[in-house]
PDB file of N, CA and C in Angstrom:
ATOM      1  N   MET A   1      86.256 -39.857 141.930  1.00  0.00           N
ATOM      2  CA  MET A   1      86.099 -40.426 140.365  1.00  0.00           C
ATOM      3  C   MET A   1      85.928 -39.227 139.756  1.00  0.00           C
ATOM      4  N   GLY A   2      86.237 -38.298 139.765  1.00  0.00           N
ATOM      5  CA  GLY A   2      86.372 -36.803 138.899  1.00  0.00           C
ATOM      6  C   GLY A   2      87.155 -36.891 137.937  1.00  0.00           C
ATOM      7  N   LEU A   3      87.428 -35.799 137.096  1.00  0.00           N
ATOM      8  CA  LEU A   3      88.325 -35.917 135.853  1.00  0.00           C
ATOM      9  C   LEU A   3      89.384 -35.465 136.308  1.00  0.00           C
ATOM     10  N   SER A   4      90.567 -36.252 136.054  1.00  0.00           N
ATOM     11  CA  SER A   4      92.264 -35.611 136.320  1.00  0.00           C
ATOM     12  C   SER A   4      92.567 -35.046 135.388  1.00  0.00           C
ATOM     13  N   LEU A   5      93.644 -34.574 135.448  1.00  0.00           N
ATOM     14  CA  LEU A   5      94.264 -33.770 134.379  1.00  0.00           C
ATOM     15  C   LEU A   5      94.781 -34.840 132.900  1.00  0.00           C
ATOM     16  N   PRO A   6      94.948 -36.028 132.977  1.00  0.00           N
ATOM     17  CA  PRO A   6      95.043 -36.818 131.959  1.00  0.00           C
ATOM     18  C   PRO A   6      93.778 -37.253 131.367  1.00  0.00           C
ATOM     19  N   HIS A   7      92.832 -37.121 131.911  1.00  0.00           N
ATOM     20  CA  HIS A   7      91.470 -37.643 131.452  1.00  0.00           C
ATOM     21  C   HIS A   7      90.887 -36.372 130.657  1.00  0.00           C
ATOM     22  N   ILE A   8      91.520 -34.863 131.043  1.00  0.00           N
ATOM     23  CA  ILE A   8      91.174 -33.863 130.522  1.00  0.00           C
ATOM     24  C   ILE A   8      91.881 -33.593 129.265  1.00  0.00           C
ATOM     25  N   LEU A   9      93.239 -34.149 129.082  1.00  0.00           N
ATOM     26  CA  LEU A   9      93.800 -34.046 127.983  1.00  0.00           C
ATOM     27  C   LEU A   9      93.558 -34.873 127.276  1.00  0.00           C
ATOM     28  N   ILE A  10      92.985 -36.149 127.423  1.00  0.00           N
ATOM     29  CA  ILE A  10      92.789 -36.927 126.204  1.00  0.00           C
ATOM     30  C   ILE A  10      91.665 -36.439 125.448  1.00  0.00           C
ATOM     31  N   LEU A  11      90.357 -36.338 126.164  1.00  0.00           N
ATOM     32  CA  LEU A  11      89.651 -35.622 125.904  1.00  0.00           C
ATOM     33  C   LEU A  11      89.495 -34.166 124.926  1.00  0.00           C
ATOM     34  N   ALA A  12      90.218 -33.350 125.210  1.00  0.00           N
ATOM     35  CA  ALA A  12      90.682 -32.464 124.457  1.00  0.00           C
ATOM     36  C   ALA A  12      91.167 -33.186 123.443  1.00  0.00           C
ATOM     37  N   VAL A  13      92.348 -33.863 123.213  1.00  0.00           N
ATOM     38  CA  VAL A  13      93.361 -34.392 122.190  1.00  0.00           C
ATOM     39  C   VAL A  13      92.075 -34.898 120.998  1.00  0.00           C
ATOM     40  N   VAL A  14      91.087 -35.658 121.559  1.00  0.00           N
ATOM     41  CA  VAL A  14      89.590 -36.465 120.980  1.00  0.00           C
ATOM     42  C   VAL A  14      89.135 -35.241 120.335  1.00  0.00           C
ATOM     43  N   ALA A  15      88.507 -34.161 121.106  1.00  0.00           N
ATOM     44  CA  ALA A  15      87.849 -33.271 120.288  1.00  0.00           C
ATOM     45  C   ALA A  15      88.777 -32.494 119.375  1.00  0.00           C
ATOM     46  N   ALA A  16      89.946 -32.300 119.237  1.00  0.00           N
ATOM     47  CA  ALA A  16      90.843 -31.718 118.249  1.00  0.00           C
ATOM     48  C   ALA A  16      90.685 -32.339 116.814  1.00  0.00           C
ATOM     49  N   LEU A  17      90.591 -33.741 117.294  1.00  0.00           N
ATOM     50  CA  LEU A  17      90.702 -34.640 115.938  1.00  0.00           C
ATOM     51  C   LEU A  17      89.416 -34.807 115.642  1.00  0.00           C
ATOM     52  N   LEU A  18      88.429 -35.089 116.243  1.00  0.00           N
ATOM     53  CA  LEU A  18      87.071 -35.005 116.013  1.00  0.00           C
ATOM     54  C   LEU A  18      86.845 -33.737 115.224  1.00  0.00           C
ATOM     55  N   LEU A  19      86.980 -32.415 115.615  1.00  0.00           N
ATOM     56  CA  LEU A  19      86.810 -31.095 114.826  1.00  0.00           C
ATOM     57  C   LEU A  19      87.583 -30.866 113.923  1.00  0.00           C
ATOM     58  N   GLY A  20      88.613 -31.522 113.805  1.00  0.00           N
ATOM     59  CA  GLY A  20      89.799 -30.854 112.939  1.00  0.00           C
ATOM     60  C   GLY A  20      90.465 -29.757 113.381  1.00  0.00           C
ATOM     61  N   GLY A  21      91.577 -29.325 112.671  1.00  0.00           N
ATOM     62  CA  GLY A  21      92.215 -27.805 113.332  1.00  0.00           C
ATOM     63  C   GLY A  21      91.846 -26.916 112.731  1.00  0.00           C
ATOM     64  N   GLY A  22      91.299 -27.030 111.382  1.00  0.00           N
ATOM     65  CA  GLY A  22      90.480 -25.207 111.202  1.00  0.00           C
ATOM     66  C   GLY A  22      89.306 -25.469 111.935  1.00  0.00           C
ATOM     67  N   ARG A  23      88.105 -25.975 112.188  1.00  0.00           N
ATOM     68  CA  ARG A  23      87.389 -26.053 112.773  1.00  0.00           C
ATOM     69  C   ARG A  23      87.327 -25.497 114.310  1.00  0.00           C
ATOM     70  N   PHE A  24      88.344 -26.323 115.113  1.00  0.00           N
ATOM     71  CA  PHE A  24      88.776 -25.463 116.463  1.00  0.00           C
ATOM     72  C   PHE A  24      89.351 -24.588 116.594  1.00  0.00           C
ATOM     73  N   SER A  25      90.342 -23.935 115.621  1.00  0.00           N
ATOM     74  CA  SER A  25      90.439 -22.602 115.658  1.00  0.00           C
ATOM     75  C   SER A  25      89.628 -21.814 115.365  1.00  0.00           C
ATOM     76  N   ALA A  26      88.718 -22.231 114.602  1.00  0.00           N
ATOM     77  CA  ALA A  26      87.726 -21.036 114.003  1.00  0.00           C
ATOM     78  C   ALA A  26      86.693 -21.099 115.594  1.00  0.00           C
ATOM     79  N   LEU A  27      86.655 -21.984 116.134  1.00  0.00           N
ATOM     80  CA  LEU A  27      85.375 -21.971 117.301  1.00  0.00           C
ATOM     81  C   LEU A  27      86.363 -21.136 118.411  1.00  0.00           C
ATOM     82  N   MET A  28      87.705 -21.238 118.433  1.00  0.00           N
ATOM     83  CA  MET A  28      88.486 -20.455 119.461  1.00  0.00           C
ATOM     84  C   MET A  28      88.481 -18.936 119.191  1.00  0.00           C
ATOM     85  N   GLY A  29      88.435 -18.938 117.605  1.00  0.00           N
ATOM     86  CA  GLY A  29      88.223 -17.640 117.241  1.00  0.00           C
ATOM     87  C   GLY A  29      87.190 -16.685 117.521  1.00  0.00           C
ATOM     88  N   ASP A  30      86.041 -17.465 117.692  1.00  0.00           N
ATOM     89  CA  ASP A  30      84.329 -16.775 118.022  1.00  0.00           C
ATOM     90  C   ASP A  30      84.238 -16.712 119.235  1.00  0.00           C
ATOM     91  N   VAL A  31      85.134 -17.766 120.191  1.00  0.00           N
ATOM     92  CA  VAL A  31      85.038 -17.443 121.773  1.00  0.00           C
ATOM     93  C   VAL A  31      85.519 -16.355 121.928  1.00  0.00           C
ATOM     94  N   ALA A  32      86.820 -15.963 121.016  1.00  0.00           N
ATOM     95  CA  ALA A  32      87.506 -14.773 121.453  1.00  0.00           C
ATOM     96  C   ALA A  32      86.788 -13.470 120.693  1.00  0.00           C
ATOM     97  N   LYS A  33      85.990 -13.572 120.152  1.00  0.00           N
ATOM     98  CA  LYS A  33      85.310 -12.504 119.469  1.00  0.00           C
ATOM     99  C   LYS A  33      84.168 -11.764 120.576  1.00  0.00           C
ATOM    100  N   GLY A  34      83.577 -13.166 121.011  1.00  0.00           N
ATOM    101  CA  GLY A  34      82.605 -12.888 121.851  1.00  0.00           C
ATOM    102  C   GLY A  34      83.299 -12.407 123.272  1.00  0.00           C
ATOM    103  N   VAL A  35      84.275 -12.752 123.647  1.00  0.00           N
ATOM    104  CA  VAL A  35      84.914 -12.033 124.679  1.00  0.00           C
ATOM    105  C   VAL A  35      85.367 -11.021 124.858  1.00  0.00           C
ATOM    106  N   LYS A  36      85.537 -10.509 123.560  1.00  0.00           N
ATOM    107  CA  LYS A  36      86.002  -9.223 123.082  1.00  0.00           C
ATOM    108  C   LYS A  36      84.729  -8.006 123.448  1.00  0.00           C
ATOM    109  N   ASN A  37      83.430  -8.388 122.537  1.00  0.00           N
ATOM    110  CA  ASN A  37      82.250  -7.768 122.376  1.00  0.00           C
ATOM    111  C   ASN A  37      81.654  -7.709 123.818  1.00  0.00           C
ATOM    112  N   PHE A  38      82.080  -8.698 124.582  1.00  0.00           N
ATOM    113  CA  PHE A  38      81.211  -8.716 125.684  1.00  0.00           C
ATOM    114  C   PHE A  38      82.162  -7.476 126.908  1.00  0.00           C
ATOM    115  N   LYS A  39      83.140  -7.408 126.629  1.00  0.00           N
ATOM    116  CA  LYS A  39      84.053  -6.532 127.251  1.00  0.00           C
ATOM    117  C   LYS A  39      83.644  -5.287 126.895  1.00  0.00           C
ATOM    118  N   LYS A  40      83.627  -5.264 125.338  1.00  0.00           N
ATOM    119  CA  LYS A  40      83.287  -3.658 124.828  1.00  0.00           C
ATOM    120  C   LYS A  40      82.192  -3.398 125.634  1.00  0.00           C
ATOM    121  N   GLY A  41      80.904  -4.023 125.147  1.00  0.00           N
ATOM    122  CA  GLY A  41      79.340  -4.210 125.841  1.00  0.00           C
ATOM    123  C   GLY A  41      79.754  -3.524 127.557  1.00  0.00           C
ATOM    124  N   MET A  42      80.092  -3.751 128.269  1.00  0.00           N
ATOM    125  CA  MET A  42      81.057  -3.901 129.498  1.00  0.00           C
ATOM    126  C   MET A  42      81.300  -2.312 129.289  1.00  0.00           C
ATOM    127  N   ALA A  43      82.240  -2.234 128.860  1.00  0.00           N
ATOM    128  CA  ALA A  43      82.939  -0.737 129.024  1.00  0.00           C
ATOM    129  C   ALA A  43      81.760   0.357 128.216  1.00  0.00           C
ATOM    130  N   ASP A  44      80.516   0.184 127.357  1.00  0.00           N
ATOM    131  CA  ASP A  44      80.119   1.000 127.011  1.00  0.00           C
ATOM    132  C   ASP A  44      78.915   1.264 127.945  1.00  0.00           C
ATOM    133  N   GLU A  45      78.709   0.271 128.925  1.00  0.00           N
ATOM    134  CA  GLU A  45      77.569   0.324 129.714  1.00  0.00           C
ATOM    135  C   GLU A  45      77.923   1.469 130.992  1.00  0.00           C
ATOM    136  N   GLU A  46      79.452   0.966 131.128  1.00  0.00           N
ATOM    137  CA  GLU A  46      80.111   1.932 132.351  1.00  0.00           C
ATOM    138  C   GLU A  46      79.838   3.224 131.849  1.00  0.00           C
ATOM    139  N   HIS A  47      80.437   3.406 130.615  1.00  0.00           N
ATOM    140  CA  HIS A  47      80.339   5.242 130.069  1.00  0.00           C
ATOM    141  C   HIS A  47      78.919   5.941 130.148  1.00  0.00           C
ATOM    142  N   ALA A  48      78.043   4.936 129.424  1.00  0.00           N
ATOM    143  CA  ALA A  48      76.839   5.181 129.796  1.00  0.00           C
ATOM    144  C   ALA A  48      76.389   5.359 131.053  1.00  0.00           C
ATOM    145  N   ALA A  49      76.681   4.876 132.169  1.00  0.00           N
ATOM    146  CA  ALA A  49      76.032   5.125 133.366  1.00  0.00           C
ATOM    147  C   ALA A  49      76.640   6.044 133.955  1.00  0.00           C
ATOM    148  N   SER A  50      78.092   6.775 133.727  1.00  0.00           N
ATOM    149  CA  SER A  50      78.837   7.622 134.470  1.00  0.00           C
ATOM    150  C   SER A  50      77.809   9.246 134.444  1.00  0.00           C
ATOM    151  N   PRO A  51      77.408   9.763 133.663  1.00  0.00           N
ATOM    152  CA  PRO A  51      76.575  10.886 133.417  1.00  0.00           C
ATOM    153  C   PRO A  51      75.516  10.965 134.489  1.00  0.00           C
ATOM    154  N   THR A  52      74.553   9.479 134.679  1.00  0.00           N
ATOM    155  CA  THR A  52      73.561   9.745 135.624  1.00  0.00           C
ATOM    156  C   THR A  52      74.157   9.815 136.920  1.00  0.00           C
ATOM    157  N   LEU A  53      75.244   9.301 137.169  1.00  0.00           N
ATOM    158  CA  LEU A  53      76.072   9.455 138.487  1.00  0.00           C
ATOM    159  C   LEU A  53      76.069  10.856 138.976  1.00  0.00           C
ATOM    160  N   THR A  54      76.665  12.004 138.084  1.00  0.00           N
ATOM    161  CA  THR A  54      76.764  13.414 138.298  1.00  0.00           C
ATOM    162  C   THR A  54      75.597  14.094 138.206  1.00  0.00           C
ATOM    163  N   SER A  55      74.360  13.608 137.578  1.00  0.00           N
ATOM    164  CA  SER A  55      73.455  14.373 137.574  1.00  0.00           C
ATOM    165  C   SER A  55      72.934  14.966 139.094  1.00  0.00           C
ATOM    166  N   PRO A  56      72.392  15.929 139.339  1.00  0.00           N
ATOM    167  CA  PRO A  56      71.717  16.187 140.602  1.00  0.00           C
ATOM    168  C   PRO A  56      70.462  15.520 140.995  1.00  0.00           C
ATOM    169  N   ALA A  57      70.761  15.116 142.453  1.00  0.00           N
ATOM    170  CA  ALA A  57      69.827  14.474 143.127  1.00  0.00           C
ATOM    171  C   ALA A  57      68.506  14.733 142.817  1.00  0.00           C
ATOM    172  N   PRO A  58      67.354  13.786 142.751  1.00  0.00           N
ATOM    173  CA  PRO A  58      65.947  14.281 143.093  1.00  0.00           C
ATOM    174  C   PRO A  58      65.488  15.218 144.085  1.00  0.00           C
ATOM    175  N   LEU A  59      64.513  15.774 143.538  1.00  0.00           N
ATOM    176  CA  LEU A  59      63.699  16.703 144.838  1.00  0.00           C
ATOM    177  C   LEU A  59      62.847  16.052 145.275  1.00  0.00           C
ATOM    178  N   ILE A  60      62.588  16.290 146.607  1.00  0.00           N
ATOM    179  CA  ILE A  60      61.354  15.373 147.466  1.00  0.00           C
ATOM    180  C   ILE A  60      60.636  16.521 148.395  1.00  0.00           C
ATOM    181  N   GLU A  61      59.890  16.660 147.625  1.00  0.00           N
ATOM    182  CA  GLU A  61      58.897  17.877 147.940  1.00  0.00           C
ATOM    183  C   GLU A  61      59.766  19.118 147.777  1.00  0.00           C
ATOM    184  N   GLY A  62      60.421  19.369 146.722  1.00  0.00           N
ATOM    185  CA  GLY A  62      61.216  20.541 146.499  1.00  0.00           C
ATOM    186  C   GLY A  62      62.258  21.124 147.570  1.00  0.00           C
ATOM    187  N   ARG A  63      62.758  19.986 147.911  1.00  0.00           N
ATOM    188  CA  ARG A  63      63.986  19.836 148.864  1.00  0.00           C
ATOM    189  C   ARG A  63      64.936  18.441 148.383  1.00  0.00           C
ATOM    190  N   THR A  64      66.217  18.797 148.539  1.00  0.00           N
ATOM    191  CA  THR A  64      66.922  17.361 148.363  1.00  0.00           C
ATOM    192  C   THR A  64      67.063  16.531 149.659  1.00  0.00           C
ATOM    193  N   ALA A  65      67.489  15.526 149.315  1.00  0.00           N
ATOM    194  CA  ALA A  65      67.495  14.282 150.203  1.00  0.00           C
ATOM    195  C   ALA A  65      68.551  14.858 151.387  1.00  0.00           C
ATOM    196  N   ALA A  66      69.650  15.105 151.045  1.00  0.00           N
ATOM    197  CA  ALA A  66      70.384  16.029 151.930  1.00  0.00           C
ATOM    198  C   ALA A  66      70.120  17.152 153.004  1.00  0.00           C
ATOM    199  N   ASP A  67      69.166  18.163 152.432  1.00  0.00           N
ATOM    200  CA  ASP A  67      68.504  18.612 153.475  1.00  0.00           C
ATOM    201  C   ASP A  67      67.485  18.446 154.066  1.00  0.00           C
ATOM    202  N   ILE A  68      66.897  17.183 153.735  1.00  0.00           N
ATOM    203  CA  ILE A  68      65.749  16.645 154.365  1.00  0.00           C
ATOM    204  C   ILE A  68      66.693  16.152 155.892  1.00  0.00           C
ATOM    205  N   ILE A  69      67.717  15.098 155.805  1.00  0.00           N
ATOM    206  CA  ILE A  69      68.792  14.490 156.508  1.00  0.00           C
ATOM    207  C   ILE A  69      69.183  15.780 157.439  1.00  0.00           C
ATOM    208  N   ALA A  70      69.800  16.846 157.205  1.00  0.00           N
ATOM    209  CA  ALA A  70      70.232  17.596 157.889  1.00  0.00           C
ATOM    210  C   ALA A  70      68.999  17.977 158.694  1.00  0.00           C
ATOM    211  N   GLU A  71      67.869  18.369 158.339  1.00  0.00           N
ATOM    212  CA  GLU A  71      66.998  18.840 159.051  1.00  0.00           C
ATOM    213  C   GLU A  71      66.578  17.984 160.199  1.00  0.00           C
ATOM    214  N   HIS A  72      66.481  16.639 159.455  1.00  0.00           N
ATOM    215  CA  HIS A  72      66.335  15.377 160.869  1.00  0.00           C
ATOM    216  C   HIS A  72      67.255  15.815 161.715  1.00  0.00           C
ATOM    217  N   GLU A  73      68.728  15.671 161.466  1.00  0.00           N
ATOM    218  CA  GLU A  73      69.799  15.652 162.256  1.00  0.00           C
ATOM    219  C   GLU A  73      69.618  17.042 163.094  1.00  0.00           C
ATOM    220  N   ARG A  74      69.446  17.966 162.774  1.00  0.00           N
ATOM    221  CA  ARG A  74      69.005  19.197 163.875  1.00  0.00           C
ATOM    222  C   ARG A  74      67.960  18.977 164.707  1.00  0.00           C
ATOM    223  N   THR A  75      66.972  18.381 164.268  1.00  0.00           N
ATOM    224  CA  THR A  75      65.590  18.218 165.339  1.00  0.00           C
ATOM    225  C   THR A  75      66.247  17.168 166.262  1.00  0.00           C
ATOM    226  N   LYS A  76      66.823  16.126 165.911  1.00  0.00           N
ATOM    227  CA  LYS A  76      67.412  14.969 166.931  1.00  0.00           C
ATOM    228  C   LYS A  76      68.174  15.459 168.022  1.00  0.00           C
ATOM    229  N   ALA A  77      69.043  16.236 167.401  1.00  0.00           N
ATOM    230  CA  ALA A  77      69.893  17.166 168.341  1.00  0.00           C
ATOM    231  C   ALA A  77      69.291  18.158 169.465  1.00  0.00           C
ATOM    232  N   ALA A  78      68.405  19.049 168.967  1.00  0.00           N
ATOM    233  CA  ALA A  78      67.655  19.605 169.628  1.00  0.00           C
ATOM    234  C   ALA A  78      66.850  18.997 170.566  1.00  0.00           C
ATOM    235  N   ALA A  79      66.175  17.282 170.121  1.00  0.00           N
ATOM    236  CA  ALA A  79      65.414  17.047 171.318  1.00  0.00           C
ATOM    237  C   ALA A  79      65.963  15.950 172.240  1.00  0.00           C
ATOM    238  N   ALA A  80      67.206  15.671 171.923  1.00  0.00           N
ATOM    239  CA  ALA A  80      68.287  15.250 172.760  1.00  0.00           C
ATOM    240  C   ALA A  80      68.457  16.424 173.878  1.00  0.00           C
ATOM    241  N   GLN A  81      69.158  17.506 173.027  1.00  0.00           N
ATOM    242  CA  GLN A  81      69.630  19.079 174.367  1.00  0.00           C
ATOM    243  C   GLN A  81      68.558  19.260 175.390  1.00  0.00           C
ATOM    244  N   THR A  82      66.802  19.158 174.811  1.00  0.00           N
ATOM    245  CA  THR A  82      65.794  19.453 175.653  1.00  0.00           C
ATOM    246  C   THR A  82      65.655  18.369 176.462  1.00  0.00           C
ATOM    247  N   SER A  83      65.983  17.227 176.214  1.00  0.00           N
ATOM    248  CA  SER A  83      65.355  15.990 177.150  1.00  0.00           C
ATOM    249  C   SER A  83      66.916  15.852 178.235  1.00  0.00           C
ATOM    250  N   ASN A  84      68.025  16.377 178.003  1.00  0.00           N
ATOM    251  CA  ASN A  84      69.414  16.381 179.082  1.00  0.00           C
ATOM    252  C   ASN A  84      69.387  17.195 179.782  1.00  0.00           C
ATOM    253  N   ASP A  85      68.572  18.729 179.305  1.00  0.00           N
ATOM    254  CA  ASP A  85      68.560  19.995 179.971  1.00  0.00           C
ATOM    255  C   ASP A  85      67.986  20.026 181.430  1.00  0.00           C
ATOM    256  N   PRO A  86      68.665  19.679 182.479  1.00  0.00           N
ATOM    257  CA  PRO A  86      67.831  19.629 183.998  1.00  0.00           C
ATOM    258  C   PRO A  86      67.219  21.309 184.030  1.00  0.00           C
ATOM    259  N   ALA A  87      67.263  22.407 183.683  1.00  0.00           N
ATOM    260  CA  ALA A  87      66.676  23.475 183.545  1.00  0.00           C
ATOM    261  C   ALA A  87      65.534  23.708 183.059  1.00  0.00           C
ATOM    262  N   ALA A  88      64.978  22.453 182.073  1.00  0.00           N
ATOM    263  CA  ALA A  88      63.500  22.547 181.716  1.00  0.00           C
ATOM    264  C   ALA A  88      62.668  21.701 182.136  1.00  0.00           C
TER     265      ALA A  88
END
């Protein structure tokens, strides 16, 4: 019981007749301007976000996150080596 293609076409014709050609055209122009402004805003937002991605990583207790992760990996590897070493 949904709207089929003939129903949608009839509604579009009725809307065009009620609104008139000029108003319908102006409405479509306003929609196009809105889409254009939205795209422009999204592009501006992407350009504004780009410099923050290239900024240096924040420091945690004077060290970068990469340094902390590397230290953790070294500690984990050393612990695994001592637990697998039969001489220890």
